[in-house]
Amino acid sequence: MHVMTADRAVLLFSYGNLQQKELQVAIFGRELAGRKDALPGYARAITDVGNVLYYDIEASSDPENVVSGTLFEITEEELAAVDIYEKGREYHRISVTLQSGVQAWAYRRPQ
């Protein structure tokens, strides 16, 4: 596994809340610049946990399923901040290959 140093960009794919400018400012102290991308082989899912809706992704056997989102470049330090935010919502980080062919991190709830 390749370990990135703090000065290298980390790729993060968001299909949900992290695309919101207000949340980006709250977590990173800045708005992120990103580009549209998609995650093939996954479908969107919504889980209701105690009247709180969680948007999620789940692996799909249907090759037509694709989850649209945004690809961001962030720092390792910023990724650690996202880990803390997502852990509080019971999401964990997974490595995914996007439609563009790049490898990125994404978050999902345990299945």
PDB file of N, CA and C in Angstrom:
ATOM      1  N   MET A   1       0.845  -1.192   0.000  1.00  0.00           N
ATOM      2  CA  MET A   1       0.000   0.000   0.000  1.00  0.00           C
ATOM      3  C   MET A   1       0.881   1.242   0.000  1.00  0.00           C
ATOM      4  N   HIS A   2       0.544   2.167  -0.843  1.00  0.00           N
ATOM      5  CA  HIS A   2       1.299   3.414  -0.950  1.00  0.00           C
ATOM      6  C   HIS A   2       0.842   4.377   0.143  1.00  0.00           C
ATOM      7  N   VAL A   3       1.779   4.872   0.927  1.00  0.00           N
ATOM      8  CA  VAL A   3       1.450   5.828   1.989  1.00  0.00           C
ATOM      9  C   VAL A   3       1.786   7.225   1.498  1.00  0.00           C
ATOM     10  N   MET A   4       0.802   8.107   1.580  1.00  0.00           N
ATOM     11  CA  MET A   4       1.008   9.480   1.100  1.00  0.00           C
ATOM     12  C   MET A   4       1.574  10.344   2.229  1.00  0.00           C
ATOM     13  N   THR A   5       2.414  11.274   1.872  1.00  0.00           N
ATOM     14  CA  THR A   5       2.931  12.199   2.862  1.00  0.00           C
ATOM     15  C   THR A   5       2.004  13.404   2.947  1.00  0.00           C
ATOM     16  N   ALA A   6       2.170  14.197   3.986  1.00  0.00           N
ATOM     17  CA  ALA A   6       1.262  15.314   4.256  1.00  0.00           C
ATOM     18  C   ALA A   6       1.219  16.344   3.128  1.00  0.00           C
ATOM     19  N   ASP A   7       2.302  16.443   2.338  1.00  0.00           N
ATOM     20  CA  ASP A   7       2.316  17.461   1.290  1.00  0.00           C
ATOM     21  C   ASP A   7       1.696  16.978  -0.023  1.00  0.00           C
ATOM     22  N   ARG A   8       1.266  15.739  -0.071  1.00  0.00           N
ATOM     23  CA  ARG A   8       0.640  15.205  -1.279  1.00  0.00           C
ATOM     24  C   ARG A   8      -0.878  15.263  -1.161  1.00  0.00           C
ATOM     25  N   ALA A   9      -1.511  15.401  -2.299  1.00  0.00           N
ATOM     26  CA  ALA A   9      -2.970  15.458  -2.317  1.00  0.00           C
ATOM     27  C   ALA A   9      -3.562  14.072  -2.082  1.00  0.00           C
ATOM     28  N   VAL A  10      -4.667  14.054  -1.365  1.00  0.00           N
ATOM     29  CA  VAL A  10      -5.452  12.855  -1.131  1.00  0.00           C
ATOM     30  C   VAL A  10      -6.754  13.048  -1.896  1.00  0.00           C
ATOM     31  N   LEU A  11      -7.205  12.014  -2.597  1.00  0.00           N
ATOM     32  CA  LEU A  11      -8.440  12.119  -3.361  1.00  0.00           C
ATOM     33  C   LEU A  11      -9.609  11.588  -2.534  1.00  0.00           C
ATOM     34  N   LEU A  12     -10.660  12.383  -2.461  1.00  0.00           N
ATOM     35  CA  LEU A  12     -11.854  12.047  -1.690  1.00  0.00           C
ATOM     36  C   LEU A  12     -13.071  12.173  -2.589  1.00  0.00           C
ATOM     37  N   PHE A  13     -13.866  11.102  -2.665  1.00  0.00           N
ATOM     38  CA  PHE A  13     -15.098  11.118  -3.446  1.00  0.00           C
ATOM     39  C   PHE A  13     -16.274  11.294  -2.496  1.00  0.00           C
ATOM     40  N   SER A  14     -17.085  12.312  -2.764  1.00  0.00           N
ATOM     41  CA  SER A  14     -18.279  12.564  -1.953  1.00  0.00           C
ATOM     42  C   SER A  14     -19.521  12.448  -2.813  1.00  0.00           C
ATOM     43  N   TYR A  15     -20.497  11.719  -2.298  1.00  0.00           N
ATOM     44  CA  TYR A  15     -21.783  11.579  -2.965  1.00  0.00           C
ATOM     45  C   TYR A  15     -22.893  12.203  -2.125  1.00  0.00           C
ATOM     46  N   GLY A  16     -22.503  12.868  -1.025  1.00  0.00           N
ATOM     47  CA  GLY A  16     -23.510  13.386  -0.093  1.00  0.00           C
ATOM     48  C   GLY A  16     -23.120  14.709   0.530  1.00  0.00           C
ATOM     49  N   ASN A  17     -23.204  14.755   1.866  1.00  0.00           N
ATOM     50  CA  ASN A  17     -23.077  15.992   2.637  1.00  0.00           C
ATOM     51  C   ASN A  17     -21.783  16.764   2.413  1.00  0.00           C
ATOM     52  N   LEU A  18     -20.695  16.077   2.159  1.00  0.00           N
ATOM     53  CA  LEU A  18     -19.414  16.781   2.008  1.00  0.00           C
ATOM     54  C   LEU A  18     -19.350  17.641   0.753  1.00  0.00           C
ATOM     55  N   GLN A  19     -20.376  17.568  -0.088  1.00  0.00           N
ATOM     56  CA  GLN A  19     -20.452  18.451  -1.252  1.00  0.00           C
ATOM     57  C   GLN A  19     -21.009  19.819  -0.873  1.00  0.00           C
ATOM     58  N   GLN A  20     -21.557  19.936   0.338  1.00  0.00           N
ATOM     59  CA  GLN A  20     -22.154  21.200   0.787  1.00  0.00           C
ATOM     60  C   GLN A  20     -21.068  22.165   1.259  1.00  0.00           C
ATOM     61  N   LYS A  21     -21.091  23.385   0.688  1.00  0.00           N
ATOM     62  CA  LYS A  21     -20.062  24.387   1.014  1.00  0.00           C
ATOM     63  C   LYS A  21     -20.008  24.697   2.510  1.00  0.00           C
ATOM     64  N   GLU A  22     -21.179  24.773   3.152  1.00  0.00           N
ATOM     65  CA  GLU A  22     -21.222  25.118   4.585  1.00  0.00           C
ATOM     66  C   GLU A  22     -20.510  24.056   5.419  1.00  0.00           C
ATOM     67  N   LEU A  23     -20.712  22.790   5.065  1.00  0.00           N
ATOM     68  CA  LEU A  23     -20.068  21.709   5.808  1.00  0.00           C
ATOM     69  C   LEU A  23     -18.565  21.701   5.540  1.00  0.00           C
ATOM     70  N   GLN A  24     -18.170  21.983   4.308  1.00  0.00           N
ATOM     71  CA  GLN A  24     -16.743  22.061   3.987  1.00  0.00           C
ATOM     72  C   GLN A  24     -16.049  23.122   4.835  1.00  0.00           C
ATOM     73  N   VAL A  25     -16.672  24.283   4.950  1.00  0.00           N
ATOM     74  CA  VAL A  25     -16.085  25.358   5.751  1.00  0.00           C
ATOM     75  C   VAL A  25     -16.003  24.935   7.216  1.00  0.00           C
ATOM     76  N   ALA A  26     -17.035  24.250   7.713  1.00  0.00           N
ATOM     77  CA  ALA A  26     -17.035  23.801   9.110  1.00  0.00           C
ATOM     78  C   ALA A  26     -15.934  22.776   9.380  1.00  0.00           C
ATOM     79  N   ILE A  27     -15.691  21.873   8.436  1.00  0.00           N
ATOM     80  CA  ILE A  27     -14.689  20.816   8.644  1.00  0.00           C
ATOM     81  C   ILE A  27     -13.285  21.270   8.272  1.00  0.00           C
ATOM     82  N   PHE A  28     -13.153  21.937   7.106  1.00  0.00           N
ATOM     83  CA  PHE A  28     -11.829  22.260   6.571  1.00  0.00           C
ATOM     84  C   PHE A  28     -11.423  23.714   6.747  1.00  0.00           C
ATOM     85  N   GLY A  29     -12.386  24.576   7.099  1.00  0.00           N
ATOM     86  CA  GLY A  29     -12.089  25.994   7.194  1.00  0.00           C
ATOM     87  C   GLY A  29     -12.019  26.669   5.836  1.00  0.00           C
ATOM     88  N   ARG A  30     -12.485  25.959   4.797  1.00  0.00           N
ATOM     89  CA  ARG A  30     -12.452  26.513   3.439  1.00  0.00           C
ATOM     90  C   ARG A  30     -13.429  25.729   2.560  1.00  0.00           C
ATOM     91  N   GLU A  31     -13.773  26.343   1.425  1.00  0.00           N
ATOM     92  CA  GLU A  31     -14.564  25.633   0.423  1.00  0.00           C
ATOM     93  C   GLU A  31     -13.612  24.827  -0.445  1.00  0.00           C
ATOM     94  N   LEU A  32     -14.038  23.637  -0.814  1.00  0.00           N
ATOM     95  CA  LEU A  32     -13.217  22.779  -1.656  1.00  0.00           C
ATOM     96  C   LEU A  32     -13.570  22.965  -3.124  1.00  0.00           C
ATOM     97  N   ALA A  33     -12.557  22.876  -3.970  1.00  0.00           N
ATOM     98  CA  ALA A  33     -12.784  22.852  -5.411  1.00  0.00           C
ATOM     99  C   ALA A  33     -12.795  21.381  -5.805  1.00  0.00           C
ATOM    100  N   GLY A  34     -13.763  20.982  -6.595  1.00  0.00           N
ATOM    101  CA  GLY A  34     -13.846  19.582  -6.987  1.00  0.00           C
ATOM    102  C   GLY A  34     -14.311  19.452  -8.415  1.00  0.00           C
ATOM    103  N   ARG A  35     -14.334  18.212  -8.876  1.00  0.00           N
ATOM    104  CA  ARG A  35     -14.842  17.949 -10.219  1.00  0.00           C
ATOM    105  C   ARG A  35     -15.803  16.758 -10.153  1.00  0.00           C
ATOM    106  N   LYS A  36     -16.759  16.784 -11.045  1.00  0.00           N
ATOM    107  CA  LYS A  36     -17.753  15.715 -11.085  1.00  0.00           C
ATOM    108  C   LYS A  36     -17.085  14.395 -11.458  1.00  0.00           C
ATOM    109  N   ASP A  37     -17.538  13.340 -10.816  1.00  0.00           N
ATOM    110  CA  ASP A  37     -17.086  11.986 -11.145  1.00  0.00           C
ATOM    111  C   ASP A  37     -18.208  11.060 -10.707  1.00  0.00           C
ATOM    112  N   ALA A  38     -18.010   9.778 -10.859  1.00  0.00           N
ATOM    113  CA  ALA A  38     -19.050   8.823 -10.485  1.00  0.00           C
ATOM    114  C   ALA A  38     -18.410   7.516 -10.039  1.00  0.00           C
ATOM    115  N   LEU A  39     -19.166   6.761  -9.264  1.00  0.00           N
ATOM    116  CA  LEU A  39     -18.712   5.492  -8.715  1.00  0.00           C
ATOM    117  C   LEU A  39     -19.523   4.358  -9.342  1.00  0.00           C
ATOM    118  N   PRO A  40     -18.929   3.638 -10.300  1.00  0.00           N
ATOM    119  CA  PRO A  40     -19.652   2.532 -10.942  1.00  0.00           C
ATOM    120  C   PRO A  40     -19.718   1.311 -10.020  1.00  0.00           C
ATOM    121  N   GLY A  41     -20.767   0.496 -10.221  1.00  0.00           N
ATOM    122  CA  GLY A  41     -20.900  -0.737  -9.448  1.00  0.00           C
ATOM    123  C   GLY A  41     -21.491  -0.536  -8.069  1.00  0.00           C
ATOM    124  N   TYR A  42     -21.998   0.666  -7.804  1.00  0.00           N
ATOM    125  CA  TYR A  42     -22.632   0.970  -6.520  1.00  0.00           C
ATOM    126  C   TYR A  42     -23.981   1.630  -6.790  1.00  0.00           C
ATOM    127  N   ALA A  43     -24.858   1.528  -5.807  1.00  0.00           N
ATOM    128  CA  ALA A  43     -26.159   2.184  -5.859  1.00  0.00           C
ATOM    129  C   ALA A  43     -26.334   3.005  -4.586  1.00  0.00           C
ATOM    130  N   ARG A  44     -27.137   4.051  -4.684  1.00  0.00           N
ATOM    131  CA  ARG A  44     -27.455   4.852  -3.505  1.00  0.00           C
ATOM    132  C   ARG A  44     -28.366   4.061  -2.582  1.00  0.00           C
ATOM    133  N   ALA A  45     -28.202   4.287  -1.297  1.00  0.00           N
ATOM    134  CA  ALA A  45     -29.058   3.659  -0.294  1.00  0.00           C
ATOM    135  C   ALA A  45     -29.393   4.707   0.756  1.00  0.00           C
ATOM    136  N   ILE A  46     -30.539   4.562   1.379  1.00  0.00           N
ATOM    137  CA  ILE A  46     -30.934   5.452   2.475  1.00  0.00           C
ATOM    138  C   ILE A  46     -31.314   4.563   3.647  1.00  0.00           C
ATOM    139  N   THR A  47     -30.693   4.836   4.798  1.00  0.00           N
ATOM    140  CA  THR A  47     -30.973   4.086   6.008  1.00  0.00           C
ATOM    141  C   THR A  47     -31.608   5.019   7.023  1.00  0.00           C
ATOM    142  N   ASP A  48     -32.686   4.567   7.648  1.00  0.00           N
ATOM    143  CA  ASP A  48     -33.361   5.338   8.690  1.00  0.00           C
ATOM    144  C   ASP A  48     -32.932   4.767  10.035  1.00  0.00           C
ATOM    145  N   VAL A  49     -32.167   5.556  10.794  1.00  0.00           N
ATOM    146  CA  VAL A  49     -31.703   5.131  12.108  1.00  0.00           C
ATOM    147  C   VAL A  49     -32.269   6.098  13.131  1.00  0.00           C
ATOM    148  N   GLY A  50     -33.279   5.672  13.851  1.00  0.00           N
ATOM    149  CA  GLY A  50     -33.885   6.528  14.874  1.00  0.00           C
ATOM    150  C   GLY A  50     -34.403   7.833  14.313  1.00  0.00           C
ATOM    151  N   ASN A  51     -35.098   7.777  13.188  1.00  0.00           N
ATOM    152  CA  ASN A  51     -35.670   8.948  12.513  1.00  0.00           C
ATOM    153  C   ASN A  51     -34.627   9.895  11.938  1.00  0.00           C
ATOM    154  N   VAL A  52     -33.391   9.421  11.775  1.00  0.00           N
ATOM    155  CA  VAL A  52     -32.342  10.180  11.097  1.00  0.00           C
ATOM    156  C   VAL A  52     -32.010   9.432   9.817  1.00  0.00           C
ATOM    157  N   LEU A  53     -32.104  10.130   8.678  1.00  0.00           N
ATOM    158  CA  LEU A  53     -31.806   9.497   7.405  1.00  0.00           C
ATOM    159  C   LEU A  53     -30.317   9.603   7.081  1.00  0.00           C
ATOM    160  N   TYR A  54     -29.716   8.472   6.750  1.00  0.00           N
ATOM    161  CA  TYR A  54     -28.317   8.421   6.359  1.00  0.00           C
ATOM    162  C   TYR A  54     -28.247   8.019   4.900  1.00  0.00           C
ATOM    163  N   TYR A  55     -27.588   8.831   4.086  1.00  0.00           N
ATOM    164  CA  TYR A  55     -27.383   8.511   2.680  1.00  0.00           C
ATOM    165  C   TYR A  55     -26.127   7.675   2.574  1.00  0.00           C
ATOM    166  N   ASP A  56     -26.217   6.619   1.814  1.00  0.00           N
ATOM    167  CA  ASP A  56     -25.127   5.662   1.782  1.00  0.00           C
ATOM    168  C   ASP A  56     -24.995   5.099   0.370  1.00  0.00           C
ATOM    169  N   ILE A  57     -23.996   4.258   0.193  1.00  0.00           N
ATOM    170  CA  ILE A  57     -23.804   3.524  -1.045  1.00  0.00           C
ATOM    171  C   ILE A  57     -23.703   2.045  -0.697  1.00  0.00           C
ATOM    172  N   GLU A  58     -24.139   1.208  -1.622  1.00  0.00           N
ATOM    173  CA  GLU A  58     -23.973  -0.226  -1.437  1.00  0.00           C
ATOM    174  C   GLU A  58     -23.541  -0.837  -2.762  1.00  0.00           C
ATOM    175  N   ALA A  59     -22.686  -1.849  -2.669  1.00  0.00           N
ATOM    176  CA  ALA A  59     -22.215  -2.526  -3.866  1.00  0.00           C
ATOM    177  C   ALA A  59     -23.405  -3.126  -4.609  1.00  0.00           C
ATOM    178  N   SER A  60     -23.350  -3.073  -5.932  1.00  0.00           N
ATOM    179  CA  SER A  60     -24.443  -3.563  -6.752  1.00  0.00           C
ATOM    180  C   SER A  60     -23.913  -4.531  -7.805  1.00  0.00           C
ATOM    181  N   SER A  61     -24.682  -5.568  -8.075  1.00  0.00           N
ATOM    182  CA  SER A  61     -24.299  -6.506  -9.132  1.00  0.00           C
ATOM    183  C   SER A  61     -24.760  -6.014 -10.504  1.00  0.00           C
ATOM    184  N   ASP A  62     -25.558  -4.936 -10.526  1.00  0.00           N
ATOM    185  CA  ASP A  62     -26.059  -4.364 -11.778  1.00  0.00           C
ATOM    186  C   ASP A  62     -25.008  -3.404 -12.345  1.00  0.00           C
ATOM    187  N   PRO A  63     -24.408  -3.726 -13.497  1.00  0.00           N
ATOM    188  CA  PRO A  63     -23.355  -2.870 -14.063  1.00  0.00           C
ATOM    189  C   PRO A  63     -23.859  -1.483 -14.467  1.00  0.00           C
ATOM    190  N   GLU A  64     -25.171  -1.310 -14.562  1.00  0.00           N
ATOM    191  CA  GLU A  64     -25.745  -0.007 -14.908  1.00  0.00           C
ATOM    192  C   GLU A  64     -25.770   0.949 -13.721  1.00  0.00           C
ATOM    193  N   ASN A  65     -25.642   0.428 -12.502  1.00  0.00           N
ATOM    194  CA  ASN A  65     -25.696   1.287 -11.319  1.00  0.00           C
ATOM    195  C   ASN A  65     -24.422   2.118 -11.187  1.00  0.00           C
ATOM    196  N   VAL A  66     -24.632   3.414 -11.008  1.00  0.00           N
ATOM    197  CA  VAL A  66     -23.538   4.372 -10.856  1.00  0.00           C
ATOM    198  C   VAL A  66     -24.002   5.433  -9.861  1.00  0.00           C
ATOM    199  N   VAL A  67     -23.126   5.818  -8.940  1.00  0.00           N
ATOM    200  CA  VAL A  67     -23.434   6.879  -7.981  1.00  0.00           C
ATOM    201  C   VAL A  67     -22.659   8.122  -8.391  1.00  0.00           C
ATOM    202  N   SER A  68     -23.380   9.213  -8.661  1.00  0.00           N
ATOM    203  CA  SER A  68     -22.748  10.485  -9.036  1.00  0.00           C
ATOM    204  C   SER A  68     -22.269  11.216  -7.795  1.00  0.00           C
ATOM    205  N   GLY A  69     -21.210  11.991  -7.976  1.00  0.00           N
ATOM    206  CA  GLY A  69     -20.689  12.773  -6.860  1.00  0.00           C
ATOM    207  C   GLY A  69     -19.597  13.714  -7.311  1.00  0.00           C
ATOM    208  N   THR A  70     -18.783  14.121  -6.367  1.00  0.00           N
ATOM    209  CA  THR A  70     -17.707  15.075  -6.628  1.00  0.00           C
ATOM    210  C   THR A  70     -16.397  14.530  -6.074  1.00  0.00           C
ATOM    211  N   LEU A  71     -15.343  14.685  -6.857  1.00  0.00           N
ATOM    212  CA  LEU A  71     -14.002  14.280  -6.450  1.00  0.00           C
ATOM    213  C   LEU A  71     -13.254  15.515  -5.970  1.00  0.00           C
ATOM    214  N   PHE A  72     -12.732  15.435  -4.743  1.00  0.00           N
ATOM    215  CA  PHE A  72     -11.990  16.547  -4.151  1.00  0.00           C
ATOM    216  C   PHE A  72     -10.545  16.132  -3.900  1.00  0.00           C
ATOM    217  N   GLU A  73      -9.639  17.101  -3.982  1.00  0.00           N
ATOM    218  CA  GLU A  73      -8.258  16.907  -3.546  1.00  0.00           C
ATOM    219  C   GLU A  73      -8.112  17.609  -2.219  1.00  0.00           C
ATOM    220  N   ILE A  74      -7.726  16.850  -1.198  1.00  0.00           N
ATOM    221  CA  ILE A  74      -7.536  17.413   0.136  1.00  0.00           C
ATOM    222  C   ILE A  74      -6.186  16.940   0.668  1.00  0.00           C
ATOM    223  N   THR A  75      -5.816  17.420   1.845  1.00  0.00           N
ATOM    224  CA  THR A  75      -4.556  17.008   2.467  1.00  0.00           C
ATOM    225  C   THR A  75      -4.804  15.825   3.402  1.00  0.00           C
ATOM    226  N   GLU A  76      -3.739  15.171   3.801  1.00  0.00           N
ATOM    227  CA  GLU A  76      -3.848  14.076   4.782  1.00  0.00           C
ATOM    228  C   GLU A  76      -4.460  14.594   6.089  1.00  0.00           C
ATOM    229  N   GLU A  77      -4.082  15.797   6.488  1.00  0.00           N
ATOM    230  CA  GLU A  77      -4.627  16.400   7.709  1.00  0.00           C
ATOM    231  C   GLU A  77      -6.141  16.600   7.570  1.00  0.00           C
ATOM    232  N   GLU A  78      -6.574  17.052   6.416  1.00  0.00           N
ATOM    233  CA  GLU A  78      -8.007  17.237   6.177  1.00  0.00           C
ATOM    234  C   GLU A  78      -8.735  15.897   6.134  1.00  0.00           C
ATOM    235  N   LEU A  79      -8.084  14.864   5.592  1.00  0.00           N
ATOM    236  CA  LEU A  79      -8.682  13.534   5.583  1.00  0.00           C
ATOM    237  C   LEU A  79      -8.897  13.042   7.016  1.00  0.00           C
ATOM    238  N   ALA A  80      -7.952  13.321   7.899  1.00  0.00           N
ATOM    239  CA  ALA A  80      -8.102  12.938   9.309  1.00  0.00           C
ATOM    240  C   ALA A  80      -9.311  13.647   9.932  1.00  0.00           C
ATOM    241  N   ALA A  81      -9.548  14.904   9.544  1.00  0.00           N
ATOM    242  CA  ALA A  81     -10.713  15.640  10.045  1.00  0.00           C
ATOM    243  C   ALA A  81     -12.008  15.010   9.530  1.00  0.00           C
ATOM    244  N   VAL A  82     -12.011  14.541   8.288  1.00  0.00           N
ATOM    245  CA  VAL A  82     -13.190  13.869   7.735  1.00  0.00           C
ATOM    246  C   VAL A  82     -13.416  12.548   8.467  1.00  0.00           C
ATOM    247  N   ASP A  83     -12.335  11.821   8.774  1.00  0.00           N
ATOM    248  CA  ASP A  83     -12.458  10.572   9.535  1.00  0.00           C
ATOM    249  C   ASP A  83     -13.199  10.807  10.846  1.00  0.00           C
ATOM    250  N   ILE A  84     -12.845  11.865  11.538  1.00  0.00           N
ATOM    251  CA  ILE A  84     -13.484  12.188  12.818  1.00  0.00           C
ATOM    252  C   ILE A  84     -14.956  12.517  12.603  1.00  0.00           C
ATOM    253  N   TYR A  85     -15.251  13.348  11.613  1.00  0.00           N
ATOM    254  CA  TYR A  85     -16.636  13.718  11.308  1.00  0.00           C
ATOM    255  C   TYR A  85     -17.461  12.481  10.962  1.00  0.00           C
ATOM    256  N   GLU A  86     -16.952  11.654  10.060  1.00  0.00           N
ATOM    257  CA  GLU A  86     -17.709  10.490   9.599  1.00  0.00           C
ATOM    258  C   GLU A  86     -17.831   9.410  10.674  1.00  0.00           C
ATOM    259  N   LYS A  87     -16.816   9.265  11.523  1.00  0.00           N
ATOM    260  CA  LYS A  87     -16.875   8.270  12.598  1.00  0.00           C
ATOM    261  C   LYS A  87     -18.045   8.579  13.534  1.00  0.00           C
ATOM    262  N   GLY A  88     -18.298   9.845  13.773  1.00  0.00           N
ATOM    263  CA  GLY A  88     -19.415  10.249  14.618  1.00  0.00           C
ATOM    264  C   GLY A  88     -20.757   9.866  14.016  1.00  0.00           C
ATOM    265  N   ARG A  89     -20.776   9.663  12.715  1.00  0.00           N
ATOM    266  CA  ARG A  89     -21.991   9.259  12.013  1.00  0.00           C
ATOM    267  C   ARG A  89     -21.952   7.773  11.664  1.00  0.00           C
ATOM    268  N   GLU A  90     -20.940   7.072  12.194  1.00  0.00           N
ATOM    269  CA  GLU A  90     -20.753   5.633  12.016  1.00  0.00           C
ATOM    270  C   GLU A  90     -20.424   5.219  10.582  1.00  0.00           C
ATOM    271  N   TYR A  91     -19.776   6.107   9.840  1.00  0.00           N
ATOM    272  CA  TYR A  91     -19.286   5.769   8.505  1.00  0.00           C
ATOM    273  C   TYR A  91     -17.824   5.374   8.612  1.00  0.00           C
ATOM    274  N   HIS A  92     -17.364   4.545   7.697  1.00  0.00           N
ATOM    275  CA  HIS A  92     -15.948   4.204   7.647  1.00  0.00           C
ATOM    276  C   HIS A  92     -15.432   4.427   6.224  1.00  0.00           C
ATOM    277  N   ARG A  93     -14.139   4.589   6.112  1.00  0.00           N
ATOM    278  CA  ARG A  93     -13.513   4.931   4.845  1.00  0.00           C
ATOM    279  C   ARG A  93     -13.207   3.668   4.047  1.00  0.00           C
ATOM    280  N   ILE A  94     -13.490   3.717   2.741  1.00  0.00           N
ATOM    281  CA  ILE A  94     -13.159   2.615   1.835  1.00  0.00           C
ATOM    282  C   ILE A  94     -12.438   3.184   0.617  1.00  0.00           C
ATOM    283  N   SER A  95     -11.639   2.355  -0.027  1.00  0.00           N
ATOM    284  CA  SER A  95     -10.958   2.747  -1.253  1.00  0.00           C
ATOM    285  C   SER A  95     -11.831   2.322  -2.432  1.00  0.00           C
ATOM    286  N   VAL A  96     -12.040   3.248  -3.371  1.00  0.00           N
ATOM    287  CA  VAL A  96     -12.887   2.974  -4.531  1.00  0.00           C
ATOM    288  C   VAL A  96     -12.181   3.418  -5.812  1.00  0.00           C
ATOM    289  N   THR A  97     -12.589   2.824  -6.930  1.00  0.00           N
ATOM    290  CA  THR A  97     -12.105   3.242  -8.242  1.00  0.00           C
ATOM    291  C   THR A  97     -13.263   3.923  -8.957  1.00  0.00           C
ATOM    292  N   LEU A  98     -13.044   5.166  -9.331  1.00  0.00           N
ATOM    293  CA  LEU A  98     -14.101   5.967  -9.937  1.00  0.00           C
ATOM    294  C   LEU A  98     -14.180   5.757 -11.442  1.00  0.00           C
ATOM    295  N   GLN A  99     -15.249   6.276 -12.030  1.00  0.00           N
ATOM    296  CA  GLN A  99     -15.477   6.146 -13.463  1.00  0.00           C
ATOM    297  C   GLN A  99     -14.311   6.725 -14.268  1.00  0.00           C
ATOM    298  N   SER A 100     -13.679   7.769 -13.738  1.00  0.00           N
ATOM    299  CA  SER A 100     -12.537   8.399 -14.406  1.00  0.00           C
ATOM    300  C   SER A 100     -11.282   7.525 -14.358  1.00  0.00           C
ATOM    301  N   GLY A 101     -11.326   6.449 -13.541  1.00  0.00           N
ATOM    302  CA  GLY A 101     -10.178   5.555 -13.414  1.00  0.00           C
ATOM    303  C   GLY A 101      -9.301   5.849 -12.216  1.00  0.00           C
ATOM    304  N   VAL A 102      -9.536   6.956 -11.524  1.00  0.00           N
ATOM    305  CA  VAL A 102      -8.705   7.282 -10.365  1.00  0.00           C
ATOM    306  C   VAL A 102      -9.167   6.521  -9.127  1.00  0.00           C
ATOM    307  N   GLN A 103      -8.215   6.285  -8.239  1.00  0.00           N
ATOM    308  CA  GLN A 103      -8.469   5.651  -6.950  1.00  0.00           C
ATOM    309  C   GLN A 103      -8.718   6.767  -5.943  1.00  0.00           C
ATOM    310  N   ALA A 104      -9.765   6.634  -5.130  1.00  0.00           N
ATOM    311  CA  ALA A 104     -10.090   7.672  -4.149  1.00  0.00           C
ATOM    312  C   ALA A 104     -10.663   7.032  -2.888  1.00  0.00           C
ATOM    313  N   TRP A 105     -10.760   7.831  -1.836  1.00  0.00           N
ATOM    314  CA  TRP A 105     -11.435   7.406  -0.609  1.00  0.00           C
ATOM    315  C   TRP A 105     -12.901   7.810  -0.693  1.00  0.00           C
ATOM    316  N   ALA A 106     -13.757   6.990  -0.117  1.00  0.00           N
ATOM    317  CA  ALA A 106     -15.174   7.314   0.035  1.00  0.00           C
ATOM    318  C   ALA A 106     -15.599   6.772   1.390  1.00  0.00           C
ATOM    319  N   TYR A 107     -16.737   7.203   1.874  1.00  0.00           N
ATOM    320  CA  TYR A 107     -17.233   6.761   3.177  1.00  0.00           C
ATOM    321  C   TYR A 107     -18.577   6.069   3.012  1.00  0.00           C
ATOM    322  N   ARG A 108     -18.794   5.044   3.839  1.00  0.00           N
ATOM    323  CA  ARG A 108     -20.075   4.344   3.854  1.00  0.00           C
ATOM    324  C   ARG A 108     -20.325   3.767   5.236  1.00  0.00           C
ATOM    325  N   ARG A 109     -21.559   3.427   5.503  1.00  0.00           N
ATOM    326  CA  ARG A 109     -21.913   2.795   6.769  1.00  0.00           C
ATOM    327  C   ARG A 109     -21.618   1.310   6.670  1.00  0.00           C
ATOM    328  N   PRO A 110     -21.277   0.677   7.795  1.00  0.00           N
ATOM    329  CA  PRO A 110     -21.017  -0.775   7.778  1.00  0.00           C
ATOM    330  C   PRO A 110     -22.268  -1.531   7.328  1.00  0.00           C
ATOM    331  N   GLN A 111     -22.086  -2.543   6.550  1.00  0.00           N
ATOM    332  CA  GLN A 111     -23.214  -3.326   6.046  1.00  0.00           C
ATOM    333  C   GLN A 111     -23.546  -4.462   6.966  1.00  0.00           C
TER     334      GLN A 111
END
